[in-house]
Each structure stands twice: as structure tokens, then as C-alpha cells.
Amino acid sequence: ISIHLSFKPLFKMPVLSLRNISLSFGGPPILDSVQMSIEPGERVCLVGRNGEGKSTLLKLILKELEPDQGEFERLPGLKIARLDQDPRIEVPGTVFDIVAKGAGPAAALIAEYHHITAELGGDRDTEILDRMHDIEQELEKTGGWELDQKLEQILSKLSLDGDAQFNALSGGMKRRALLAQALVADPDLLLL
């Protein structure tokens, strides 16, 4: 006899909760007694006219602003990533470099490895191979190879050329690269 038991939690803890949040900038309140919670796996769309506080609410969630009053709770260790509204930024580097920045400290090693492999075939091969060996060992210790694989998967899924120069991309492709940067961070909450 085989018995399979499945338990559902009695309650779900929201990833973040806002209770009675108010904020003003010297005039009438932009946010007045806002109540909101976001549950794990939930998708939320924030709709409103210009000037009604959508961006302000997102800045509160990102802790770029503090409310005048109210309670703000978030799960400990909550990772939040965002895709800015305006992708018209100029940042030197390749698409791979830009996307890798979302992955944290190990990303710098992966980006360096990615660049030096392109340099092979020249007069400095011995020096390059020595540096590659050092980076490979460090990536082995830190689990960086899994991160490299994840970067490559995200680039592939979003049809991005990692070797393309970010500044040469169209606005739409820059936005796609910045979305990849946000996704590689593996956030608990993604603000678009």
C-alpha cells in the first residue's frame, strides 16, 4: 500500500506588506493610507494616471524613499530587482558585461574569463593561459561555473548576443539586456 500525503500551509506569508502607508512632499499626500501585500508567485499590475504615485510606490518598495507613516514589512533576505522605465543609458561594455553585473561579485570573474578567452591566439598566450587557470580555480571554488551557465541560458532565451557592444544596441535591445541583468540576479520580486 502506498500513501501519499500532501500538506498545504495554513497560511502564506507575503513577501512584502504595506499597511497605512502615507507619503507627501510638502503638499497633499501622494500616497494616503496605502494597503498592499504581495504573496509568493503573485503577479501584480499597478495602473494609474501620471502623477498618481505609481513610481513613488515602487521607490518605497525599493527603500529609495521612506514613508511619512505606516508599516512596511518584507521577508528577511528578500531580493528585489527592477527594470527601469527608461533604458536610454550609455554604459560601456558588451551585453555579456552588462548582464553579468546583475549576478553579483562572481560575475566579474566570469566576465574577465569571457574576455580573455577571446584574446587567445596572440603573443601573450602563456600569460593569458596562466590567468585563465587562476580564474578557473576561483570559479570552481565559488560555484561560478553554474552562474556562467545561467548567464548563457538567459542570453540565449532572450536572443541576445553577449559579444555585442551595449551602447550600439537599439532601445528595445538595451531594454532586453537590462531585463536579462535583472533576471540573472534571481530576484524574489521583479519590478518592471
N, C-alpha and C. Protein backbone atom coordinates (compact mmCIF):
# COMPACT_ATOMS: atom_id res chain seq x y z
N ILE A 1 0.86 -1.17 0.00
CA ILE A 1 0.00 0.00 0.00
C ILE A 1 0.90 1.23 0.00
N SER A 2 0.56 2.15 -0.84
CA SER A 2 1.31 3.40 -0.93
C SER A 2 0.39 4.55 -0.54
N ILE A 3 0.86 5.36 0.35
CA ILE A 3 0.07 6.51 0.79
C ILE A 3 0.87 7.77 0.51
N HIS A 4 0.23 8.70 -0.13
CA HIS A 4 0.89 9.98 -0.43
C HIS A 4 0.13 11.09 0.29
N LEU A 5 0.83 11.79 1.16
CA LEU A 5 0.20 12.88 1.89
C LEU A 5 0.77 14.20 1.39
N SER A 6 -0.09 15.14 1.22
CA SER A 6 0.32 16.47 0.78
C SER A 6 -0.26 17.48 1.75
N PHE A 7 0.59 18.32 2.29
CA PHE A 7 0.12 19.33 3.23
C PHE A 7 0.24 20.71 2.61
N LYS A 8 -0.80 21.46 2.73
CA LYS A 8 -0.76 22.86 2.31
C LYS A 8 -0.54 23.70 3.56
N PRO A 9 0.30 24.73 3.44
CA PRO A 9 0.50 25.56 4.61
C PRO A 9 -0.82 26.20 5.04
N LEU A 10 -0.97 26.39 6.33
CA LEU A 10 -2.19 27.01 6.84
C LEU A 10 -2.30 28.46 6.42
N PHE A 11 -1.17 29.10 6.23
CA PHE A 11 -1.18 30.49 5.78
C PHE A 11 0.08 30.74 4.95
N LYS A 12 -0.04 31.65 4.04
CA LYS A 12 1.10 32.08 3.24
C LYS A 12 1.59 33.39 3.81
N MET A 13 2.88 33.52 3.94
CA MET A 13 3.43 34.77 4.40
C MET A 13 3.74 35.62 3.18
N PRO A 14 3.23 36.84 3.12
CA PRO A 14 3.51 37.69 1.97
C PRO A 14 5.00 38.03 1.90
N VAL A 15 5.50 38.25 0.67
CA VAL A 15 6.90 38.65 0.53
C VAL A 15 7.09 40.08 1.00
N LEU A 16 6.03 40.88 0.86
CA LEU A 16 6.06 42.21 1.45
C LEU A 16 4.65 42.70 1.73
N SER A 17 4.54 43.56 2.74
CA SER A 17 3.25 44.13 3.14
C SER A 17 3.43 45.60 3.44
N LEU A 18 2.47 46.39 2.99
CA LEU A 18 2.40 47.81 3.31
C LEU A 18 1.07 48.04 4.02
N ARG A 19 1.13 48.69 5.18
CA ARG A 19 -0.10 48.97 5.93
C ARG A 19 -0.13 50.44 6.32
N ASN A 20 -1.19 51.11 5.86
CA ASN A 20 -1.43 52.52 6.18
C ASN A 20 -0.25 53.42 5.82
N ILE A 21 0.34 53.17 4.66
CA ILE A 21 1.49 53.96 4.19
C ILE A 21 1.00 55.29 3.63
N SER A 22 1.60 56.35 4.14
CA SER A 22 1.31 57.70 3.63
C SER A 22 2.63 58.39 3.34
N LEU A 23 2.61 59.21 2.29
CA LEU A 23 3.79 59.97 1.91
C LEU A 23 3.37 61.23 1.17
N SER A 24 3.96 62.33 1.55
CA SER A 24 3.72 63.59 0.84
C SER A 24 5.05 64.31 0.71
N PHE A 25 5.11 65.21 -0.22
CA PHE A 25 6.31 66.01 -0.43
C PHE A 25 6.00 67.48 -0.16
N GLY A 26 5.40 67.75 0.99
CA GLY A 26 5.10 69.12 1.39
C GLY A 26 3.71 69.61 0.98
N GLY A 27 3.03 68.88 0.15
CA GLY A 27 1.68 69.26 -0.28
C GLY A 27 0.70 68.17 0.08
N PRO A 28 -0.34 68.01 -0.73
CA PRO A 28 -1.27 66.91 -0.49
C PRO A 28 -0.55 65.57 -0.61
N PRO A 29 -1.02 64.56 0.10
CA PRO A 29 -0.33 63.27 0.06
C PRO A 29 -0.32 62.65 -1.34
N ILE A 30 0.85 62.12 -1.70
CA ILE A 30 0.96 61.35 -2.95
C ILE A 30 0.37 59.95 -2.70
N LEU A 31 0.68 59.40 -1.53
CA LEU A 31 0.13 58.12 -1.10
C LEU A 31 -0.58 58.37 0.23
N ASP A 32 -1.82 57.91 0.33
CA ASP A 32 -2.62 58.17 1.53
C ASP A 32 -3.22 56.87 2.04
N SER A 33 -2.68 56.35 3.14
CA SER A 33 -3.16 55.12 3.79
C SER A 33 -3.19 53.92 2.83
N VAL A 34 -2.09 53.71 2.13
CA VAL A 34 -1.99 52.60 1.18
C VAL A 34 -1.88 51.27 1.92
N GLN A 35 -2.66 50.30 1.45
CA GLN A 35 -2.64 48.93 1.96
C GLN A 35 -2.28 48.03 0.80
N MET A 36 -1.29 47.17 0.98
CA MET A 36 -0.93 46.28 -0.11
C MET A 36 -0.09 45.13 0.44
N SER A 37 -0.28 43.95 -0.14
CA SER A 37 0.62 42.84 0.15
C SER A 37 0.82 42.06 -1.13
N ILE A 38 2.00 41.49 -1.26
CA ILE A 38 2.32 40.67 -2.43
C ILE A 38 2.69 39.28 -1.91
N GLU A 39 1.97 38.29 -2.40
CA GLU A 39 2.17 36.91 -2.00
C GLU A 39 3.19 36.24 -2.92
N PRO A 40 3.85 35.18 -2.46
CA PRO A 40 4.78 34.45 -3.32
C PRO A 40 4.08 33.97 -4.59
N GLY A 41 4.74 34.17 -5.75
CA GLY A 41 4.18 33.72 -7.02
C GLY A 41 3.14 34.64 -7.61
N GLU A 42 2.74 35.67 -6.90
CA GLU A 42 1.70 36.57 -7.37
C GLU A 42 2.27 37.56 -8.39
N ARG A 43 1.44 37.89 -9.38
CA ARG A 43 1.78 38.92 -10.35
C ARG A 43 0.83 40.09 -10.12
N VAL A 44 1.40 41.28 -10.02
CA VAL A 44 0.61 42.46 -9.72
C VAL A 44 0.86 43.50 -10.80
N CYS A 45 -0.20 44.14 -11.24
CA CYS A 45 -0.09 45.23 -12.21
C CYS A 45 -0.56 46.50 -11.53
N LEU A 46 0.27 47.50 -11.54
CA LEU A 46 -0.03 48.78 -10.92
C LEU A 46 -0.47 49.74 -12.02
N VAL A 47 -1.71 50.20 -11.97
CA VAL A 47 -2.27 51.04 -13.03
C VAL A 47 -2.73 52.36 -12.44
N GLY A 48 -2.49 53.43 -13.16
CA GLY A 48 -2.96 54.75 -12.73
C GLY A 48 -2.49 55.83 -13.67
N ARG A 49 -3.08 56.97 -13.56
CA ARG A 49 -2.70 58.11 -14.40
C ARG A 49 -1.34 58.65 -13.96
N ASN A 50 -0.75 59.46 -14.82
CA ASN A 50 0.51 60.11 -14.48
C ASN A 50 0.34 60.96 -13.23
N GLY A 51 1.36 60.90 -12.36
CA GLY A 51 1.34 61.72 -11.15
C GLY A 51 0.54 61.17 -10.00
N GLU A 52 0.04 59.94 -10.11
CA GLU A 52 -0.80 59.39 -9.04
C GLU A 52 -0.04 58.55 -8.03
N GLY A 53 1.31 58.43 -8.20
CA GLY A 53 2.11 57.77 -7.18
C GLY A 53 2.63 56.39 -7.50
N LYS A 54 2.51 55.93 -8.75
CA LYS A 54 2.99 54.58 -9.10
C LYS A 54 4.50 54.47 -8.88
N SER A 55 5.26 55.39 -9.45
CA SER A 55 6.72 55.35 -9.29
C SER A 55 7.13 55.58 -7.84
N THR A 56 6.40 56.42 -7.13
CA THR A 56 6.68 56.66 -5.72
C THR A 56 6.49 55.39 -4.91
N LEU A 57 5.43 54.65 -5.19
CA LEU A 57 5.19 53.38 -4.50
C LEU A 57 6.32 52.40 -4.77
N LEU A 58 6.77 52.31 -6.02
CA LEU A 58 7.88 51.41 -6.34
C LEU A 58 9.16 51.83 -5.62
N LYS A 59 9.39 53.13 -5.51
CA LYS A 59 10.57 53.62 -4.79
C LYS A 59 10.49 53.28 -3.30
N LEU A 60 9.29 53.28 -2.74
CA LEU A 60 9.12 52.85 -1.34
C LEU A 60 9.45 51.36 -1.20
N ILE A 61 8.98 50.56 -2.14
CA ILE A 61 9.24 49.12 -2.10
C ILE A 61 10.74 48.86 -2.19
N LEU A 62 11.43 49.66 -3.00
CA LEU A 62 12.88 49.52 -3.17
C LEU A 62 13.68 50.17 -2.05
N LYS A 63 12.98 50.80 -1.11
CA LYS A 63 13.59 51.51 0.02
C LYS A 63 14.44 52.70 -0.43
N GLU A 64 14.07 53.29 -1.57
CA GLU A 64 14.71 54.52 -2.01
C GLU A 64 14.05 55.73 -1.35
N LEU A 65 12.84 55.53 -0.87
CA LEU A 65 12.10 56.54 -0.12
C LEU A 65 11.59 55.91 1.17
N GLU A 66 11.42 56.73 2.19
CA GLU A 66 10.81 56.27 3.44
C GLU A 66 9.43 56.90 3.57
N PRO A 67 8.43 56.15 4.04
CA PRO A 67 7.09 56.71 4.20
C PRO A 67 7.05 57.70 5.37
N ASP A 68 6.10 58.62 5.30
CA ASP A 68 5.88 59.54 6.42
C ASP A 68 5.28 58.78 7.60
N GLN A 69 4.41 57.83 7.28
CA GLN A 69 3.81 56.99 8.33
C GLN A 69 3.39 55.67 7.73
N GLY A 70 3.14 54.71 8.61
CA GLY A 70 2.69 53.38 8.19
C GLY A 70 3.73 52.32 8.47
N GLU A 71 3.35 51.08 8.22
CA GLU A 71 4.22 49.94 8.46
C GLU A 71 4.60 49.28 7.15
N PHE A 72 5.87 48.91 7.05
CA PHE A 72 6.40 48.26 5.86
C PHE A 72 7.12 47.01 6.33
N GLU A 73 6.67 45.85 5.89
CA GLU A 73 7.31 44.58 6.25
C GLU A 73 7.71 43.85 4.99
N ARG A 74 8.89 43.23 5.04
CA ARG A 74 9.34 42.39 3.93
C ARG A 74 10.00 41.15 4.51
N LEU A 75 9.95 40.06 3.76
CA LEU A 75 10.60 38.84 4.21
C LEU A 75 12.09 39.10 4.39
N PRO A 76 12.69 38.55 5.43
CA PRO A 76 14.13 38.71 5.60
C PRO A 76 14.88 38.15 4.39
N GLY A 77 15.86 38.88 3.93
CA GLY A 77 16.66 38.45 2.79
C GLY A 77 15.98 38.58 1.44
N LEU A 78 14.86 39.29 1.39
CA LEU A 78 14.12 39.47 0.14
C LEU A 78 15.00 40.14 -0.91
N LYS A 79 15.15 39.49 -2.07
CA LYS A 79 15.93 40.06 -3.17
C LYS A 79 14.98 40.69 -4.17
N ILE A 80 15.18 41.98 -4.41
CA ILE A 80 14.34 42.72 -5.35
C ILE A 80 15.22 43.21 -6.49
N ALA A 81 14.75 43.01 -7.71
CA ALA A 81 15.42 43.55 -8.89
C ALA A 81 14.40 44.40 -9.64
N ARG A 82 14.92 45.34 -10.43
CA ARG A 82 13.99 46.16 -11.19
C ARG A 82 14.53 46.44 -12.57
N LEU A 83 13.60 46.71 -13.46
CA LEU A 83 13.92 47.15 -14.81
C LEU A 83 13.40 48.56 -14.90
N ASP A 84 14.33 49.51 -15.04
CA ASP A 84 13.94 50.91 -15.11
C ASP A 84 13.06 51.18 -16.32
N GLN A 85 12.26 52.22 -16.20
CA GLN A 85 11.33 52.59 -17.24
C GLN A 85 12.05 53.11 -18.48
N ASP A 86 13.18 53.76 -18.31
CA ASP A 86 13.88 54.41 -19.41
C ASP A 86 15.23 53.74 -19.66
N PRO A 87 15.36 52.93 -20.72
CA PRO A 87 16.62 52.23 -20.98
C PRO A 87 17.64 53.06 -21.74
N ARG A 88 17.40 54.35 -21.91
CA ARG A 88 18.32 55.17 -22.71
C ARG A 88 19.54 55.54 -21.89
N ILE A 89 20.30 54.54 -21.53
CA ILE A 89 21.52 54.78 -20.78
C ILE A 89 22.71 54.41 -21.64
N GLU A 90 23.82 55.02 -21.37
CA GLU A 90 25.06 54.72 -22.07
C GLU A 90 26.01 54.09 -21.05
N VAL A 91 26.34 52.83 -21.26
CA VAL A 91 27.24 52.10 -20.38
C VAL A 91 28.25 51.37 -21.27
N PRO A 92 29.53 51.61 -21.06
CA PRO A 92 30.50 50.91 -21.90
C PRO A 92 30.54 49.42 -21.55
N GLY A 93 30.84 48.61 -22.55
CA GLY A 93 30.99 47.18 -22.34
C GLY A 93 30.09 46.38 -23.26
N THR A 94 30.27 45.08 -23.19
CA THR A 94 29.47 44.18 -24.02
C THR A 94 28.16 43.86 -23.31
N VAL A 95 27.25 43.27 -24.04
CA VAL A 95 25.99 42.82 -23.47
C VAL A 95 26.28 41.82 -22.34
N PHE A 96 27.26 40.93 -22.55
CA PHE A 96 27.62 39.96 -21.51
C PHE A 96 28.03 40.69 -20.23
N ASP A 97 28.85 41.75 -20.35
CA ASP A 97 29.29 42.52 -19.18
C ASP A 97 28.10 43.10 -18.43
N ILE A 98 27.18 43.69 -19.17
CA ILE A 98 26.02 44.35 -18.56
C ILE A 98 25.14 43.33 -17.86
N VAL A 99 24.86 42.21 -18.52
CA VAL A 99 24.01 41.18 -17.92
C VAL A 99 24.69 40.58 -16.70
N ALA A 100 26.00 40.34 -16.78
CA ALA A 100 26.74 39.73 -15.67
C ALA A 100 26.72 40.59 -14.42
N LYS A 101 26.60 41.91 -14.56
CA LYS A 101 26.57 42.80 -13.39
C LYS A 101 25.42 42.46 -12.45
N GLY A 102 24.36 41.88 -12.98
CA GLY A 102 23.23 41.51 -12.14
C GLY A 102 23.49 40.29 -11.27
N ALA A 103 24.57 39.58 -11.54
CA ALA A 103 24.85 38.33 -10.84
C ALA A 103 25.72 38.48 -9.61
N GLY A 104 26.17 39.67 -9.31
CA GLY A 104 26.95 39.88 -8.10
C GLY A 104 28.44 39.74 -8.31
N PRO A 105 29.20 39.56 -7.20
CA PRO A 105 30.66 39.57 -7.25
C PRO A 105 31.31 38.52 -8.15
N ALA A 106 30.79 37.33 -8.20
CA ALA A 106 31.39 36.28 -9.04
C ALA A 106 31.31 36.64 -10.52
N ALA A 107 30.39 37.52 -10.86
CA ALA A 107 30.20 37.90 -12.25
C ALA A 107 31.43 38.58 -12.84
N ALA A 108 32.17 39.31 -12.04
CA ALA A 108 33.37 39.99 -12.54
C ALA A 108 34.38 38.95 -13.04
N LEU A 109 34.53 37.86 -12.31
CA LEU A 109 35.44 36.78 -12.74
C LEU A 109 34.95 36.14 -14.03
N ILE A 110 33.65 35.90 -14.11
CA ILE A 110 33.09 35.28 -15.31
C ILE A 110 33.29 36.20 -16.51
N ALA A 111 33.03 37.50 -16.33
CA ALA A 111 33.21 38.46 -17.42
C ALA A 111 34.67 38.51 -17.85
N GLU A 112 35.60 38.50 -16.89
CA GLU A 112 37.03 38.51 -17.23
C GLU A 112 37.39 37.25 -18.01
N TYR A 113 36.91 36.10 -17.56
CA TYR A 113 37.18 34.84 -18.25
C TYR A 113 36.65 34.90 -19.68
N HIS A 114 35.45 35.42 -19.83
CA HIS A 114 34.81 35.56 -21.14
C HIS A 114 35.67 36.43 -22.06
N HIS A 115 36.23 37.51 -21.54
CA HIS A 115 37.05 38.42 -22.34
C HIS A 115 38.41 37.82 -22.70
N ILE A 116 39.05 37.17 -21.76
CA ILE A 116 40.39 36.66 -22.06
C ILE A 116 40.37 35.46 -22.99
N THR A 117 39.27 34.71 -23.01
CA THR A 117 39.20 33.61 -23.96
C THR A 117 39.18 34.15 -25.39
N ALA A 118 38.66 35.35 -25.57
CA ALA A 118 38.64 35.99 -26.89
C ALA A 118 40.04 36.46 -27.30
N GLU A 119 40.95 36.62 -26.34
CA GLU A 119 42.29 37.11 -26.62
C GLU A 119 43.26 36.00 -27.02
N LEU A 120 42.86 34.75 -26.88
CA LEU A 120 43.77 33.64 -27.22
C LEU A 120 44.15 33.68 -28.69
N GLY A 121 45.40 33.26 -28.96
CA GLY A 121 45.87 33.24 -30.34
C GLY A 121 46.86 34.34 -30.64
N GLY A 122 47.31 35.04 -29.61
CA GLY A 122 48.26 36.13 -29.81
C GLY A 122 49.59 35.83 -29.16
N ASP A 123 50.41 36.86 -29.04
CA ASP A 123 51.76 36.73 -28.47
C ASP A 123 51.74 36.46 -26.97
N ARG A 124 50.66 36.81 -26.30
CA ARG A 124 50.59 36.71 -24.85
C ARG A 124 49.88 35.44 -24.38
N ASP A 125 49.84 34.41 -25.20
CA ASP A 125 49.07 33.20 -24.86
C ASP A 125 49.46 32.58 -23.53
N THR A 126 50.75 32.52 -23.19
CA THR A 126 51.18 31.91 -21.93
C THR A 126 50.63 32.70 -20.75
N GLU A 127 50.74 34.01 -20.82
CA GLU A 127 50.21 34.87 -19.76
C GLU A 127 48.69 34.72 -19.64
N ILE A 128 48.02 34.68 -20.77
CA ILE A 128 46.56 34.54 -20.78
C ILE A 128 46.15 33.18 -20.22
N LEU A 129 46.84 32.13 -20.63
CA LEU A 129 46.52 30.79 -20.12
C LEU A 129 46.73 30.68 -18.62
N ASP A 130 47.78 31.33 -18.10
CA ASP A 130 48.00 31.34 -16.65
C ASP A 130 46.85 32.04 -15.93
N ARG A 131 46.43 33.18 -16.46
CA ARG A 131 45.31 33.91 -15.83
C ARG A 131 44.02 33.10 -15.94
N MET A 132 43.80 32.44 -17.08
CA MET A 132 42.61 31.59 -17.24
C MET A 132 42.60 30.49 -16.19
N HIS A 133 43.75 29.89 -15.97
CA HIS A 133 43.86 28.82 -14.98
C HIS A 133 43.49 29.34 -13.58
N ASP A 134 44.00 30.52 -13.22
CA ASP A 134 43.68 31.12 -11.91
C ASP A 134 42.18 31.38 -11.78
N ILE A 135 41.60 31.93 -12.83
CA ILE A 135 40.16 32.23 -12.80
C ILE A 135 39.35 30.94 -12.72
N GLU A 136 39.74 29.92 -13.48
CA GLU A 136 39.04 28.64 -13.46
C GLU A 136 39.01 28.05 -12.05
N GLN A 137 40.15 28.12 -11.35
CA GLN A 137 40.21 27.60 -9.98
C GLN A 137 39.29 28.39 -9.05
N GLU A 138 39.29 29.70 -9.20
CA GLU A 138 38.43 30.54 -8.35
C GLU A 138 36.96 30.27 -8.64
N LEU A 139 36.62 30.12 -9.91
CA LEU A 139 35.23 29.81 -10.28
C LEU A 139 34.81 28.44 -9.76
N GLU A 140 35.73 27.51 -9.77
CA GLU A 140 35.47 26.17 -9.25
C GLU A 140 35.13 26.24 -7.76
N LYS A 141 35.90 27.05 -7.01
CA LYS A 141 35.68 27.17 -5.56
C LYS A 141 34.37 27.88 -5.22
N THR A 142 33.99 28.85 -6.03
CA THR A 142 32.82 29.69 -5.70
C THR A 142 31.53 29.26 -6.39
N GLY A 143 31.59 28.18 -7.18
CA GLY A 143 30.38 27.76 -7.89
C GLY A 143 30.06 28.67 -9.07
N GLY A 144 31.07 29.36 -9.56
CA GLY A 144 30.88 30.31 -10.65
C GLY A 144 30.51 29.70 -11.98
N TRP A 145 30.86 28.42 -12.18
CA TRP A 145 30.52 27.79 -13.46
C TRP A 145 29.01 27.67 -13.63
N GLU A 146 28.29 27.41 -12.55
CA GLU A 146 26.83 27.35 -12.63
C GLU A 146 26.27 28.72 -13.01
N LEU A 147 26.89 29.75 -12.46
CA LEU A 147 26.46 31.12 -12.78
C LEU A 147 26.75 31.43 -14.24
N ASP A 148 27.89 31.00 -14.75
CA ASP A 148 28.24 31.21 -16.16
C ASP A 148 27.20 30.53 -17.05
N GLN A 149 26.83 29.32 -16.68
CA GLN A 149 25.82 28.57 -17.45
C GLN A 149 24.48 29.31 -17.42
N LYS A 150 24.13 29.84 -16.26
CA LYS A 150 22.88 30.58 -16.13
C LYS A 150 22.90 31.84 -17.00
N LEU A 151 24.02 32.55 -17.01
CA LEU A 151 24.16 33.74 -17.86
C LEU A 151 23.96 33.38 -19.32
N GLU A 152 24.60 32.31 -19.75
CA GLU A 152 24.49 31.89 -21.15
C GLU A 152 23.06 31.49 -21.50
N GLN A 153 22.36 30.82 -20.57
CA GLN A 153 20.97 30.43 -20.81
C GLN A 153 20.07 31.64 -20.96
N ILE A 154 20.25 32.62 -20.09
CA ILE A 154 19.41 33.82 -20.16
C ILE A 154 19.69 34.59 -21.44
N LEU A 155 20.95 34.72 -21.81
CA LEU A 155 21.30 35.39 -23.07
C LEU A 155 20.64 34.67 -24.25
N SER A 156 20.68 33.35 -24.23
CA SER A 156 20.09 32.56 -25.30
C SER A 156 18.57 32.72 -25.34
N LYS A 157 17.93 32.60 -24.18
CA LYS A 157 16.46 32.69 -24.14
C LYS A 157 15.95 34.06 -24.59
N LEU A 158 16.74 35.10 -24.34
CA LEU A 158 16.31 36.45 -24.73
C LEU A 158 16.92 36.86 -26.07
N SER A 159 17.54 35.89 -26.76
CA SER A 159 18.15 36.12 -28.09
C SER A 159 19.09 37.32 -28.09
N LEU A 160 20.02 37.32 -27.13
CA LEU A 160 21.00 38.40 -27.01
C LEU A 160 22.38 37.90 -27.39
N ASP A 161 23.11 38.71 -28.13
CA ASP A 161 24.50 38.41 -28.48
C ASP A 161 25.38 38.98 -27.39
N GLY A 162 25.99 38.12 -26.59
CA GLY A 162 26.80 38.56 -25.48
C GLY A 162 28.02 39.37 -25.88
N ASP A 163 28.49 39.22 -27.11
CA ASP A 163 29.68 39.94 -27.57
C ASP A 163 29.35 41.31 -28.17
N ALA A 164 28.07 41.61 -28.38
CA ALA A 164 27.68 42.91 -28.95
C ALA A 164 27.96 44.03 -27.94
N GLN A 165 28.32 45.19 -28.45
CA GLN A 165 28.53 46.36 -27.59
C GLN A 165 27.17 46.89 -27.15
N PHE A 166 26.99 47.06 -25.84
CA PHE A 166 25.72 47.51 -25.30
C PHE A 166 25.30 48.85 -25.89
N ASN A 167 26.21 49.80 -26.00
CA ASN A 167 25.86 51.14 -26.49
C ASN A 167 25.45 51.16 -27.96
N ALA A 168 25.77 50.11 -28.70
CA ALA A 168 25.40 50.05 -30.12
C ALA A 168 23.99 49.47 -30.32
N LEU A 169 23.36 49.00 -29.25
CA LEU A 169 22.04 48.38 -29.36
C LEU A 169 20.94 49.42 -29.51
N SER A 170 19.84 48.99 -30.10
CA SER A 170 18.64 49.83 -30.16
C SER A 170 18.05 49.93 -28.75
N GLY A 171 17.13 50.84 -28.56
CA GLY A 171 16.49 51.00 -27.24
C GLY A 171 15.81 49.72 -26.77
N GLY A 172 15.14 49.02 -27.69
CA GLY A 172 14.45 47.78 -27.34
C GLY A 172 15.42 46.67 -26.93
N MET A 173 16.54 46.58 -27.63
CA MET A 173 17.53 45.56 -27.29
C MET A 173 18.25 45.91 -25.99
N LYS A 174 18.47 47.20 -25.73
CA LYS A 174 19.05 47.61 -24.45
C LYS A 174 18.12 47.19 -23.32
N ARG A 175 16.83 47.41 -23.53
CA ARG A 175 15.82 47.03 -22.52
C ARG A 175 15.86 45.52 -22.28
N ARG A 176 16.00 44.75 -23.35
CA ARG A 176 16.07 43.30 -23.23
C ARG A 176 17.32 42.89 -22.44
N ALA A 177 18.46 43.54 -22.70
CA ALA A 177 19.69 43.24 -21.97
C ALA A 177 19.54 43.59 -20.49
N LEU A 178 18.88 44.71 -20.21
CA LEU A 178 18.67 45.10 -18.81
C LEU A 178 17.69 44.16 -18.11
N LEU A 179 16.72 43.62 -18.86
CA LEU A 179 15.84 42.60 -18.30
C LEU A 179 16.64 41.35 -17.96
N ALA A 180 17.56 40.96 -18.84
CA ALA A 180 18.42 39.81 -18.57
C ALA A 180 19.25 40.05 -17.32
N GLN A 181 19.75 41.28 -17.16
CA GLN A 181 20.53 41.63 -15.96
C GLN A 181 19.69 41.44 -14.70
N ALA A 182 18.43 41.87 -14.75
CA ALA A 182 17.54 41.71 -13.59
C ALA A 182 17.23 40.24 -13.34
N LEU A 183 17.02 39.46 -14.39
CA LEU A 183 16.67 38.05 -14.23
C LEU A 183 17.83 37.21 -13.70
N VAL A 184 19.05 37.54 -14.10
CA VAL A 184 20.20 36.74 -13.66
C VAL A 184 20.42 36.89 -12.16
N ALA A 185 19.92 37.94 -11.56
CA ALA A 185 20.02 38.14 -10.11
C ALA A 185 19.13 37.17 -9.35
N ASP A 186 18.22 36.48 -10.05
CA ASP A 186 17.29 35.53 -9.46
C ASP A 186 16.52 36.18 -8.30
N PRO A 187 15.81 37.28 -8.60
CA PRO A 187 15.12 38.00 -7.53
C PRO A 187 13.87 37.28 -7.05
N ASP A 188 13.49 37.57 -5.81
CA ASP A 188 12.22 37.10 -5.28
C ASP A 188 11.08 37.96 -5.80
N LEU A 189 11.41 39.22 -6.09
CA LEU A 189 10.44 40.19 -6.57
C LEU A 189 11.07 40.98 -7.69
N LEU A 190 10.44 41.00 -8.86
CA LEU A 190 10.93 41.73 -10.02
C LEU A 190 9.98 42.86 -10.32
N LEU A 191 10.50 44.09 -10.28
CA LEU A 191 9.68 45.27 -10.56
C LEU A 191 9.98 45.74 -11.98
N LEU A 192 8.96 45.77 -12.80
CA LEU A 192 9.11 46.21 -14.19
C LEU A 192 8.41 47.54 -14.37
